[in-house]
């Protein structure tokens, strides 16, 4: 059995309203995909602090307090924070938003390991 690591997603800027930022693959090529100990970097390129909220949930659920993994964390101006992501399986989504649209960029800090 061969193990493969793939990039989770290309950098994405957070919108001002909750939206899907990343979805775990559900393809036949990655049937055992699990994101464990995932980490993202949120970079604020604006001149003011910006609050960010993230949710990790199954695809069919709504963004709510029950699946919030980071609640209104303020990222200082021209700075970044690293955020650990809860375990995600096929079809799960990482959603989020920022207090100001298109000034916080999310980068993946690892990859998806599957067999």
Protein backbone atom coordinates (compact mmCIF):
# COMPACT_ATOMS: atom_id res chain seq x y z
CA UNK A 1 0.00 0.00 0.00
CA UNK A 2 1.44 3.36 -1.04
CA UNK A 3 0.89 6.51 0.98
CA UNK A 4 0.44 9.80 -0.82
CA UNK A 5 0.43 13.36 0.44
CA UNK A 6 -1.42 16.07 -1.47
CA UNK A 7 -1.92 19.79 -1.02
CA UNK A 8 -5.20 20.46 0.79
CA UNK A 9 -6.04 23.69 -1.04
CA UNK A 10 -4.46 26.73 -2.62
CA UNK A 11 -4.47 29.95 -0.55
CA UNK A 12 -7.92 31.47 -0.17
CA UNK A 13 -9.05 34.88 1.10
CA UNK A 14 -11.80 34.85 3.69
CA UNK A 15 -15.13 36.48 2.83
CA UNK A 16 -17.17 38.68 5.21
CA UNK A 17 -19.91 36.03 5.58
CA UNK A 18 -19.56 32.34 6.47
CA UNK A 19 -18.64 30.27 3.40
CA UNK A 20 -16.98 26.94 2.60
CA UNK A 21 -13.21 27.45 2.44
CA UNK A 22 -12.22 23.80 2.01
CA UNK A 23 -14.03 20.46 1.56
CA UNK A 24 -12.49 17.09 2.33
CA UNK A 25 -12.25 14.94 -0.81
CA UNK A 26 -14.90 12.28 -1.41
CA UNK A 27 -13.47 10.71 -4.56
CA UNK A 28 -12.82 7.02 -5.13
CA UNK A 29 -9.09 7.79 -5.33
CA UNK A 30 -9.12 8.99 -1.71
CA UNK A 31 -11.63 6.73 0.09
CA UNK A 32 -9.66 6.64 3.34
CA UNK A 33 -8.79 10.34 3.49
CA UNK A 34 -8.66 11.75 7.00
CA UNK A 35 -7.28 15.12 8.00
CA UNK A 36 -5.63 14.66 11.39
CA UNK A 37 -3.63 17.37 13.14
CA UNK A 38 -4.33 19.81 10.31
CA UNK A 39 -3.10 23.37 10.60
CA UNK A 40 -3.79 26.56 8.69
CA UNK A 41 -2.14 29.97 8.77
CA UNK A 42 -4.36 33.03 8.71
CA UNK A 43 -2.51 36.12 7.51
CA UNK A 44 -3.97 39.60 7.93
CA UNK A 45 -2.52 41.98 5.33
CA UNK A 46 -4.55 45.00 6.38
CA UNK A 47 -3.53 47.92 8.61
CA UNK A 48 -6.13 47.04 11.28
CA UNK A 49 -6.90 44.02 13.45
CA UNK A 50 -9.49 41.69 11.90
CA UNK A 51 -11.63 39.09 13.74
CA UNK A 52 -11.91 35.62 12.18
CA UNK A 53 -14.27 32.72 12.89
CA UNK A 54 -13.84 29.13 11.63
CA UNK A 55 -16.16 26.10 11.64
CA UNK A 56 -15.32 22.42 11.02
CA UNK A 57 -18.41 20.39 10.24
CA UNK A 58 -20.07 17.76 8.13
CA UNK A 59 -21.14 18.99 4.69
CA UNK A 60 -24.87 18.91 5.42
CA UNK A 61 -24.71 20.95 8.63
CA UNK A 62 -24.87 24.71 9.12
CA UNK A 63 -22.16 26.92 10.60
CA UNK A 64 -23.11 27.09 14.29
CA UNK A 65 -21.67 27.26 17.79
CA UNK A 66 -21.72 23.44 17.96
CA UNK A 67 -19.11 23.15 15.18
CA UNK A 68 -17.15 26.37 15.74
CA UNK A 69 -13.43 25.62 16.11
CA UNK A 70 -12.26 29.25 16.40
CA UNK A 71 -14.61 31.98 17.56
CA UNK A 72 -13.96 35.63 16.67
CA UNK A 73 -10.19 35.48 17.14
CA UNK A 74 -8.62 38.86 16.39
CA UNK A 75 -5.59 38.81 14.10
CA UNK A 76 -3.40 41.91 14.56
CA UNK A 77 -2.62 44.20 11.63
CA UNK A 78 0.03 42.81 9.26
CA UNK A 79 0.38 39.63 11.29
CA UNK A 80 -0.70 36.00 11.30
CA UNK A 81 -1.87 33.19 13.57
CA UNK A 82 -1.61 29.44 13.13
CA UNK A 83 -4.76 27.45 13.87
CA UNK A 84 -5.12 23.72 14.53
CA UNK A 85 -8.05 22.15 12.69
CA UNK A 86 -10.14 19.36 14.24
CA UNK A 87 -10.09 15.92 12.62
CA UNK A 88 -12.01 15.93 9.33
CA UNK A 89 -13.17 13.02 7.16
CA UNK A 90 -14.56 12.69 3.64
CA UNK A 91 -17.19 15.32 2.91
CA UNK A 92 -16.48 17.48 5.96
CA UNK A 93 -16.04 21.21 5.37
CA UNK A 94 -13.94 23.98 6.84
CA UNK A 95 -15.94 27.19 6.75
CA UNK A 96 -15.26 30.67 7.96
CA UNK A 97 -15.32 34.40 7.59
CA UNK A 98 -13.44 37.53 8.58
CA UNK A 99 -14.66 40.88 9.89
CA UNK A 100 -13.40 42.45 6.67
CA UNK A 101 -13.58 40.62 3.33
CA UNK A 102 -10.45 39.80 1.31
CA UNK A 103 -7.79 40.93 3.79
CA UNK A 104 -7.17 37.62 5.61
CA UNK A 105 -5.61 34.82 3.58
CA UNK A 106 -5.73 31.18 4.70
CA UNK A 107 -2.83 28.87 3.79
CA UNK A 108 -2.63 25.16 4.54
CA UNK A 109 0.40 24.15 6.60
CA UNK A 110 0.41 20.43 5.84
CA UNK A 111 -1.29 18.11 3.45
CA UNK A 112 -3.72 15.26 3.17
CA UNK A 113 -2.30 11.81 3.75
CA UNK A 114 -4.21 8.94 2.21
CA UNK A 115 -3.71 5.36 1.10
